[in-house]
Protein backbone atom coordinates (compact mmCIF):
# COMPACT_ATOMS: atom_id res chain seq x y z
CA MET A 1 -90.04 69.03 258.52
CA SER A 2 -86.24 70.31 257.20
CA SER A 3 -84.61 70.63 254.23
CA ASN A 4 -81.03 70.00 253.59
CA VAL A 5 -79.77 73.30 251.64
CA VAL A 6 -76.53 72.39 250.13
CA TYR A 7 -74.49 75.48 248.77
CA GLN A 8 -72.91 74.67 245.62
CA HIS A 9 -69.64 77.54 245.01
CA VAL A 10 -70.71 78.76 241.15
CA PRO A 11 -67.23 80.59 240.01
CA LYS A 12 -67.84 84.07 238.34
CA THR A 13 -64.86 85.83 236.12
CA GLY A 14 -63.76 88.89 237.03
CA ALA A 15 -60.71 90.58 237.78
CA VAL A 16 -58.78 91.78 241.00
CA PHE A 17 -56.77 94.82 240.90
CA MET A 18 -54.75 97.45 242.90
CA TYR A 19 -54.73 101.27 242.14
CA GLN A 20 -52.75 104.12 243.36
CA ALA A 21 -54.80 106.85 244.88
CA GLU A 22 -54.99 110.70 243.74
CA GLY A 23 -54.45 111.82 247.13
CA LEU A 24 -51.80 111.29 249.55
CA PHE A 25 -52.41 110.09 253.47
CA LYS A 26 -51.25 112.11 256.41
CA GLY A 27 -50.38 109.95 259.16
CA ILE A 28 -50.27 111.17 262.61
CA TYR A 29 -46.65 110.64 263.30
CA ALA A 30 -45.33 110.26 259.72
CA ASP A 31 -45.01 112.45 256.50
CA SER A 32 -47.90 112.35 253.44
CA PHE A 33 -47.24 108.87 251.74
CA ALA A 34 -49.31 106.69 248.83
CA VAL A 35 -52.13 105.38 249.65
CA TYR A 36 -53.25 102.10 247.50
CA ARG A 37 -56.46 100.36 247.22
CA ALA A 38 -57.33 96.61 246.27
CA GLY A 39 -60.64 95.50 244.57
CA ARG A 40 -62.18 93.37 242.44
CA THR A 41 -65.23 93.03 240.06
CA THR A 42 -67.25 91.32 238.11
CA LYS A 43 -67.22 93.36 235.27
CA GLN A 44 -64.75 93.12 232.38
CA HIS A 45 -62.36 95.45 230.79
CA GLN A 46 -62.90 95.28 227.13
CA GLY A 47 -59.62 96.96 225.84
CA ASP A 48 -61.21 100.42 224.80
CA GLY A 49 -60.12 103.20 227.37
CA GLU A 50 -57.53 103.26 230.35
CA LEU A 51 -57.50 101.01 232.60
CA VAL A 52 -57.39 103.78 235.62
CA ASP A 53 -60.76 104.94 233.66
CA PHE A 54 -62.15 101.44 233.76
CA ILE A 55 -61.78 101.26 237.64
CA GLY A 56 -62.98 104.96 237.98
CA LYS A 57 -66.18 104.00 236.72
CA LEU A 58 -67.14 101.32 238.61
CA GLY A 59 -67.40 103.57 241.57
CA GLN A 60 -64.04 102.32 243.41
CA GLY A 61 -63.45 106.23 244.71
CA GLY A 62 -64.08 109.59 244.06
CA GLY A 63 -62.23 113.03 244.41
CA LEU A 64 -58.81 111.89 246.34
CA ASN A 65 -59.36 108.68 246.55
CA ARG A 66 -59.91 108.14 242.47
CA PRO A 67 -57.70 105.79 240.90
CA PHE A 68 -54.18 107.64 239.60
CA LYS A 69 -52.34 104.73 238.81
CA VAL A 70 -53.28 101.06 238.24
CA LEU A 71 -50.52 98.94 239.84
CA ALA A 72 -51.89 95.58 239.11
CA TYR A 73 -55.05 94.12 237.53
CA LEU A 74 -55.52 90.63 236.53
CA GLU A 75 -58.40 88.59 235.34
CA VAL A 76 -59.52 85.80 236.93
CA THR A 77 -62.05 82.65 236.62
CA ASP A 78 -63.07 82.51 239.79
CA VAL A 79 -63.14 86.22 241.57
CA GLU A 80 -64.23 85.66 245.08
CA LYS A 81 -61.64 82.82 245.53
CA SER A 82 -59.04 85.60 244.14
CA TRP A 83 -60.03 88.04 245.89
CA ALA A 84 -59.85 86.17 249.33
CA ALA A 85 -56.37 85.21 248.07
CA PHE A 86 -55.32 88.65 247.10
CA ARG A 87 -56.52 89.95 250.43
CA GLU A 88 -54.92 87.53 252.80
CA PHE A 89 -51.39 87.98 250.93
CA LEU A 90 -51.99 92.01 251.45
CA ARG A 91 -52.77 91.68 255.38
CA SER A 92 -50.31 88.83 256.13
CA ARG A 93 -47.37 91.24 255.22
CA VAL A 94 -45.71 88.76 253.34
CA PHE A 95 -41.90 90.47 252.43
CA LEU A 96 -41.88 90.75 248.75
CA ASP A 97 -38.16 90.76 248.55
CA ARG A 98 -35.37 90.81 251.15
CA ASP A 99 -35.33 94.57 251.51
CA GLN A 100 -38.62 93.94 253.41
CA THR A 101 -41.04 95.64 251.39
CA SER A 102 -44.37 94.85 252.76
CA PHE A 103 -48.11 96.41 252.84
CA LYS A 104 -49.63 97.78 255.84
CA GLN A 105 -53.50 98.01 256.16
CA GLN A 106 -54.64 101.81 256.46
CA SER A 107 -57.85 100.93 258.35
CA GLU A 108 -58.43 104.76 259.26
CA LEU A 109 -59.32 104.65 255.44
CA GLY A 110 -61.02 101.48 255.19
CA ASP A 111 -60.79 97.65 254.39
CA ASN A 112 -59.32 97.76 251.29
CA TRP A 113 -56.52 100.09 251.79
CA TYR A 114 -53.04 100.11 251.84
CA SER A 115 -49.67 101.79 252.27
CA ALA A 116 -46.15 100.02 251.38
CA TYR A 117 -42.70 100.13 252.14
CA ALA A 118 -41.66 100.99 248.23
CA GLY A 119 -42.76 103.20 245.83
CA PRO A 120 -45.68 102.93 243.19
CA GLU A 121 -42.64 101.57 240.14
CA GLN A 122 -41.61 99.16 242.56
CA LEU A 123 -45.03 98.00 243.54
CA GLU A 124 -46.13 97.45 240.51
CA LYS A 125 -43.17 95.60 239.17
CA TYR A 126 -43.41 92.98 242.01
CA LEU A 127 -47.48 93.05 242.08
CA LYS A 128 -47.22 92.09 238.06
CA GLU A 129 -44.75 89.33 238.65
CA LEU A 130 -46.36 87.90 242.18
CA LEU A 131 -49.94 88.04 241.85
CA PRO A 132 -50.37 85.15 239.05
CA LYS A 133 -48.30 83.37 241.48
CA ILE A 134 -50.22 84.11 244.69
CA LEU A 135 -53.47 83.26 242.93
CA ASN A 136 -52.28 80.14 241.77
CA LYS A 137 -50.97 79.18 245.10
CA TRP A 138 -53.88 79.95 247.14
CA THR A 139 -57.05 78.95 244.71
């Protein structure tokens, strides 16, 4: 006797984010450079306190991996679909502008760690502008 199990996706609200880590990454062939961690959460930031503290309390990293600066934080209605779209964007190495600013996954640090060919201020500007567009396009 077999049963037909139907999976129904139930969207969960949450947020996707990216932060700059406290420490720098020293590559084999390069000088030290900033690294960024992308993440997601179903917990809601209630506006009490800084985003850096909120994300730090999620257990997203400690020591030199702890959040230093939040570059992007966007509340979404379907956190899993939005997370999949955000990761696809980061891993596809889509150029953010004609100066060829793109992300590079730093798999030595973990699955969700990236470096970029731009500084944190420029990345923050691009992510705040592009993240809503990316998620609307792919979700």
